[in-house]
Amino acid sequence: MKSIVILCLLLLLCPPFGLAIQKADRVLVVKSEKKLYLENNGKVIRSYPVALGGNPKGHKQRQGDRRTPEGRYILDLKNPNSAYYKSIRISYPNAADRMRARREGVHPGGWIMIHGQKNGYGHLAPITQRYDWTTGCIAVTNAEMDEIWQAVDIGTPIEIRP
């Protein structure tokens, strides 16, 4: 009985089994480093390798360009029933993105997310995460997505740098 109590305590207190991840007050993605950083009060509390859009250099210009946007946005929606494990939407396009797209006569695209692996393919993450494979989203492993999901709230700012 004592070992069951100890096991239950370990499951509650030890990552990845239940320890609450410190809340992030900002997310930073540095595309050239292929890293996502969770920050709190200007200090990095966690970092993760990421896969980006299949055409990662430069700011997203239009729907279908396979680029990950650059700039300052907000994490504005959590989707626990995503086709890619879990997902958190980035508020792209913002007003400037929409205005630029309108000037150029193109659709800016949208539904850019931080997400896990495609449902049913999580076991392939050691391979897929070596490549930029998304249509413009920011992909992490499913276990990493669980941590990010716990660490960020709706309304958390995200900055995506080149």
C-alpha atoms as a PDB file:
ATOM      1  CA  MET A   1       0.000   0.000   0.000  1.00  0.00           C
ATOM      2  CA  LYS A   2       2.843   2.375   0.848  1.00  0.00           C
ATOM      3  CA  SER A   3       4.392   1.888  -2.620  1.00  0.00           C
ATOM      4  CA  ILE A   4       1.068   2.766  -4.272  1.00  0.00           C
ATOM      5  CA  VAL A   5       0.878   6.014  -2.295  1.00  0.00           C
ATOM      6  CA  ILE A   6       4.455   6.875  -3.260  1.00  0.00           C
ATOM      7  CA  LEU A   7       3.750   6.096  -6.913  1.00  0.00           C
ATOM      8  CA  CYS A   8       0.651   8.308  -6.839  1.00  0.00           C
ATOM      9  CA  LEU A   9       2.681  11.157  -5.359  1.00  0.00           C
ATOM     10  CA  LEU A  10       5.374  10.729  -8.007  1.00  0.00           C
ATOM     11  CA  LEU A  11       2.762  10.831 -10.751  1.00  0.00           C
ATOM     12  CA  LEU A  12       1.502  14.130  -9.383  1.00  0.00           C
ATOM     13  CA  LEU A  13       4.876  15.730  -8.698  1.00  0.00           C
ATOM     14  CA  CYS A  14       7.277  14.521 -11.375  1.00  0.00           C
ATOM     15  CA  PRO A  15       7.336  15.607 -15.015  1.00  0.00           C
ATOM     16  CA  PRO A  16       5.943  14.650 -17.396  1.00  0.00           C
ATOM     17  CA  PHE A  17       3.291  12.972 -15.281  1.00  0.00           C
ATOM     18  CA  GLY A  18       1.552  15.940 -13.776  1.00  0.00           C
ATOM     19  CA  LEU A  19       3.820  18.651 -12.393  1.00  0.00           C
ATOM     20  CA  ALA A  20       2.327  21.969 -13.382  1.00  0.00           C
ATOM     21  CA  ILE A  21       4.601  23.745 -15.826  1.00  0.00           C
ATOM     22  CA  GLN A  22       5.334  27.353 -14.870  1.00  0.00           C
ATOM     23  CA  LYS A  23       3.049  29.728 -16.775  1.00  0.00           C
ATOM     24  CA  ALA A  24       4.583  31.657 -19.641  1.00  0.00           C
ATOM     25  CA  ASP A  25       3.772  35.315 -20.112  1.00  0.00           C
ATOM     26  CA  ARG A  26       5.280  35.347 -23.615  1.00  0.00           C
ATOM     27  CA  VAL A  27       6.235  32.913 -26.365  1.00  0.00           C
ATOM     28  CA  LEU A  28       9.192  33.605 -28.639  1.00  0.00           C
ATOM     29  CA  VAL A  29       9.914  31.659 -31.817  1.00  0.00           C
ATOM     30  CA  VAL A  30      13.264  32.202 -33.541  1.00  0.00           C
ATOM     31  CA  LYS A  31      12.925  30.674 -36.991  1.00  0.00           C
ATOM     32  CA  SER A  32      16.665  30.700 -37.766  1.00  0.00           C
ATOM     33  CA  GLU A  33      17.283  28.675 -34.590  1.00  0.00           C
ATOM     34  CA  LYS A  34      14.197  26.489 -35.131  1.00  0.00           C
ATOM     35  CA  LYS A  35      13.342  27.057 -31.460  1.00  0.00           C
ATOM     36  CA  LEU A  36      10.285  28.013 -29.444  1.00  0.00           C
ATOM     37  CA  TYR A  37      10.938  29.639 -26.077  1.00  0.00           C
ATOM     38  CA  LEU A  38       8.474  29.985 -23.222  1.00  0.00           C
ATOM     39  CA  GLU A  39       9.305  33.057 -21.182  1.00  0.00           C
ATOM     40  CA  ASN A  40       8.199  34.474 -17.858  1.00  0.00           C
ATOM     41  CA  ASN A  41       9.325  37.949 -16.740  1.00  0.00           C
ATOM     42  CA  GLY A  42      11.923  38.026 -19.520  1.00  0.00           C
ATOM     43  CA  LYS A  43      13.521  34.703 -18.550  1.00  0.00           C
ATOM     44  CA  VAL A  44      13.355  31.523 -20.602  1.00  0.00           C
ATOM     45  CA  ILE A  45      11.560  28.838 -18.616  1.00  0.00           C
ATOM     46  CA  ARG A  46      11.459  26.173 -21.362  1.00  0.00           C
ATOM     47  CA  SER A  47      12.620  25.771 -24.953  1.00  0.00           C
ATOM     48  CA  TYR A  48      11.649  23.347 -27.701  1.00  0.00           C
ATOM     49  CA  PRO A  49      12.931  22.492 -31.165  1.00  0.00           C
ATOM     50  CA  VAL A  50      10.311  23.184 -33.843  1.00  0.00           C
ATOM     51  CA  ALA A  51       9.469  22.345 -37.424  1.00  0.00           C
ATOM     52  CA  LEU A  52       8.207  25.268 -39.492  1.00  0.00           C
ATOM     53  CA  GLY A  53       6.491  25.811 -42.810  1.00  0.00           C
ATOM     54  CA  GLY A  54       8.112  24.004 -45.724  1.00  0.00           C
ATOM     55  CA  ASN A  55       9.332  27.362 -47.127  1.00  0.00           C
ATOM     56  CA  PRO A  56      10.535  28.894 -43.849  1.00  0.00           C
ATOM     57  CA  LYS A  57      12.573  31.916 -44.930  1.00  0.00           C
ATOM     58  CA  GLY A  58      10.767  35.240 -44.890  1.00  0.00           C
ATOM     59  CA  HIS A  59       7.412  36.468 -43.621  1.00  0.00           C
ATOM     60  CA  LYS A  60       4.203  34.818 -44.779  1.00  0.00           C
ATOM     61  CA  GLN A  61       2.968  36.695 -47.855  1.00  0.00           C
ATOM     62  CA  ARG A  62      -0.112  34.777 -48.980  1.00  0.00           C
ATOM     63  CA  GLN A  63      -2.159  31.654 -48.548  1.00  0.00           C
ATOM     64  CA  GLY A  64      -0.318  28.588 -49.830  1.00  0.00           C
ATOM     65  CA  ASP A  65       3.234  29.992 -49.664  1.00  0.00           C
ATOM     66  CA  ARG A  66       4.200  27.490 -46.894  1.00  0.00           C
ATOM     67  CA  ARG A  67       5.846  30.253 -44.849  1.00  0.00           C
ATOM     68  CA  THR A  68       5.579  30.760 -41.116  1.00  0.00           C
ATOM     69  CA  PRO A  69       4.671  34.390 -40.383  1.00  0.00           C
ATOM     70  CA  GLU A  70       7.000  36.787 -38.588  1.00  0.00           C
ATOM     71  CA  GLY A  71       5.938  39.479 -36.178  1.00  0.00           C
ATOM     72  CA  ARG A  72       3.952  39.992 -32.989  1.00  0.00           C
ATOM     73  CA  TYR A  73       0.698  38.158 -32.493  1.00  0.00           C
ATOM     74  CA  ILE A  74      -1.505  36.713 -29.747  1.00  0.00           C
ATOM     75  CA  LEU A  75      -2.321  33.096 -28.953  1.00  0.00           C
ATOM     76  CA  ASP A  76      -6.088  33.349 -29.292  1.00  0.00           C
ATOM     77  CA  LEU A  77      -7.652  29.872 -29.374  1.00  0.00           C
ATOM     78  CA  LYS A  78      -6.922  26.405 -27.996  1.00  0.00           C
ATOM     79  CA  ASN A  79      -8.243  23.422 -29.941  1.00  0.00           C
ATOM     80  CA  PRO A  80      -8.107  20.106 -28.053  1.00  0.00           C
ATOM     81  CA  ASN A  81      -9.739  18.311 -31.024  1.00  0.00           C
ATOM     82  CA  SER A  82      -7.259  19.365 -33.690  1.00  0.00           C
ATOM     83  CA  ALA A  83      -6.219  17.142 -36.584  1.00  0.00           C
ATOM     84  CA  TYR A  84      -2.676  17.671 -35.270  1.00  0.00           C
ATOM     85  CA  TYR A  85      -2.925  16.384 -31.710  1.00  0.00           C
ATOM     86  CA  LYS A  86      -3.615  19.680 -29.880  1.00  0.00           C
ATOM     87  CA  SER A  87      -3.270  23.124 -31.404  1.00  0.00           C
ATOM     88  CA  ILE A  88      -3.079  26.744 -30.301  1.00  0.00           C
ATOM     89  CA  ARG A  89      -3.955  29.381 -32.886  1.00  0.00           C
ATOM     90  CA  ILE A  90      -1.728  32.371 -33.585  1.00  0.00           C
ATOM     91  CA  SER A  91      -3.676  35.548 -34.427  1.00  0.00           C
ATOM     92  CA  TYR A  92      -2.198  35.794 -37.942  1.00  0.00           C
ATOM     93  CA  PRO A  93      -3.187  37.689 -40.049  1.00  0.00           C
ATOM     94  CA  ASN A  94      -3.145  40.944 -38.111  1.00  0.00           C
ATOM     95  CA  ALA A  95      -4.340  44.271 -39.551  1.00  0.00           C
ATOM     96  CA  ALA A  96      -0.975  44.984 -41.227  1.00  0.00           C
ATOM     97  CA  ASP A  97      -0.902  41.511 -42.814  1.00  0.00           C
ATOM     98  CA  ARG A  98      -4.441  41.941 -44.170  1.00  0.00           C
ATOM     99  CA  MET A  99      -3.640  45.410 -45.536  1.00  0.00           C
ATOM    100  CA  ARG A 100      -0.469  44.173 -47.271  1.00  0.00           C
ATOM    101  CA  ALA A 101      -2.333  41.223 -48.787  1.00  0.00           C
ATOM    102  CA  ARG A 102      -5.132  43.528 -49.993  1.00  0.00           C
ATOM    103  CA  ARG A 103      -2.566  45.835 -51.650  1.00  0.00           C
ATOM    104  CA  GLU A 104      -1.005  42.841 -53.392  1.00  0.00           C
ATOM    105  CA  GLY A 105      -4.347  41.320 -54.369  1.00  0.00           C
ATOM    106  CA  VAL A 106      -3.742  38.040 -52.530  1.00  0.00           C
ATOM    107  CA  HIS A 107      -5.375  36.152 -49.675  1.00  0.00           C
ATOM    108  CA  PRO A 108      -3.146  36.405 -46.553  1.00  0.00           C
ATOM    109  CA  GLY A 109      -3.916  32.867 -45.389  1.00  0.00           C
ATOM    110  CA  GLY A 110      -4.700  32.074 -41.800  1.00  0.00           C
ATOM    111  CA  TRP A 111      -5.192  29.409 -39.161  1.00  0.00           C
ATOM    112  CA  ILE A 112      -1.512  29.387 -38.275  1.00  0.00           C
ATOM    113  CA  MET A 113      -1.044  27.191 -35.228  1.00  0.00           C
ATOM    114  CA  ILE A 114       1.400  25.789 -32.752  1.00  0.00           C
ATOM    115  CA  HIS A 115       0.561  22.095 -32.885  1.00  0.00           C
ATOM    116  CA  GLY A 116       1.669  18.557 -32.214  1.00  0.00           C
ATOM    117  CA  GLN A 117       2.003  15.793 -34.766  1.00  0.00           C
ATOM    118  CA  LYS A 118      -0.718  14.748 -37.193  1.00  0.00           C
ATOM    119  CA  ASN A 119      -3.112  12.464 -35.368  1.00  0.00           C
ATOM    120  CA  GLY A 120      -2.003   8.851 -35.648  1.00  0.00           C
ATOM    121  CA  TYR A 121       1.576   9.796 -36.574  1.00  0.00           C
ATOM    122  CA  GLY A 122       3.007  10.977 -33.239  1.00  0.00           C
ATOM    123  CA  HIS A 123       5.439   8.061 -33.236  1.00  0.00           C
ATOM    124  CA  LEU A 124       7.110   9.557 -36.325  1.00  0.00           C
ATOM    125  CA  ALA A 125       8.107  12.787 -34.542  1.00  0.00           C
ATOM    126  CA  PRO A 126      11.797  11.767 -34.256  1.00  0.00           C
ATOM    127  CA  ILE A 127      11.827  11.835 -38.080  1.00  0.00           C
ATOM    128  CA  THR A 128       9.303  14.565 -38.952  1.00  0.00           C
ATOM    129  CA  GLN A 129      10.768  17.103 -36.545  1.00  0.00           C
ATOM    130  CA  ARG A 130      14.049  17.059 -38.480  1.00  0.00           C
ATOM    131  CA  TYR A 131      12.330  18.779 -41.430  1.00  0.00           C
ATOM    132  CA  ASP A 132      10.215  21.870 -42.022  1.00  0.00           C
ATOM    133  CA  TRP A 133       7.009  20.122 -43.045  1.00  0.00           C
ATOM    134  CA  THR A 134       4.022  22.264 -42.090  1.00  0.00           C
ATOM    135  CA  THR A 135       2.007  24.595 -44.307  1.00  0.00           C
ATOM    136  CA  GLY A 136       3.119  27.550 -42.140  1.00  0.00           C
ATOM    137  CA  CYS A 137       2.462  26.321 -38.621  1.00  0.00           C
ATOM    138  CA  ILE A 138       4.907  25.641 -35.804  1.00  0.00           C
ATOM    139  CA  ALA A 139       5.105  21.924 -34.979  1.00  0.00           C
ATOM    140  CA  VAL A 140       6.433  20.205 -31.862  1.00  0.00           C
ATOM    141  CA  THR A 141       6.171  16.672 -30.508  1.00  0.00           C
ATOM    142  CA  ASN A 142       2.960  15.674 -28.762  1.00  0.00           C
ATOM    143  CA  ALA A 143       4.674  15.547 -25.355  1.00  0.00           C
ATOM    144  CA  GLU A 144       6.065  19.047 -25.936  1.00  0.00           C
ATOM    145  CA  MET A 145       2.612  20.220 -27.024  1.00  0.00           C
ATOM    146  CA  ASP A 146       1.208  18.985 -23.717  1.00  0.00           C
ATOM    147  CA  GLU A 147       3.732  21.162 -21.860  1.00  0.00           C
ATOM    148  CA  ILE A 148       3.116  24.220 -24.043  1.00  0.00           C
ATOM    149  CA  TRP A 149      -0.649  23.728 -23.721  1.00  0.00           C
ATOM    150  CA  GLN A 150      -0.326  23.777 -19.941  1.00  0.00           C
ATOM    151  CA  ALA A 151       2.079  26.743 -19.877  1.00  0.00           C
ATOM    152  CA  VAL A 152       0.211  29.243 -22.063  1.00  0.00           C
ATOM    153  CA  ASP A 153      -3.181  30.822 -21.673  1.00  0.00           C
ATOM    154  CA  ILE A 154      -5.390  32.394 -24.316  1.00  0.00           C
ATOM    155  CA  GLY A 155      -4.157  35.973 -24.739  1.00  0.00           C
ATOM    156  CA  THR A 156      -0.457  35.153 -24.325  1.00  0.00           C
ATOM    157  CA  PRO A 157       1.643  37.232 -26.761  1.00  0.00           C
ATOM    158  CA  ILE A 158       3.856  35.444 -29.263  1.00  0.00           C
ATOM    159  CA  GLU A 159       6.696  36.977 -31.254  1.00  0.00           C
ATOM    160  CA  ILE A 160       8.034  35.153 -34.285  1.00  0.00           C
ATOM    161  CA  ARG A 161      11.471  36.334 -35.437  1.00  0.00           C
ATOM    162  CA  PRO A 162      13.409  35.482 -38.593  1.00  0.00           C
END
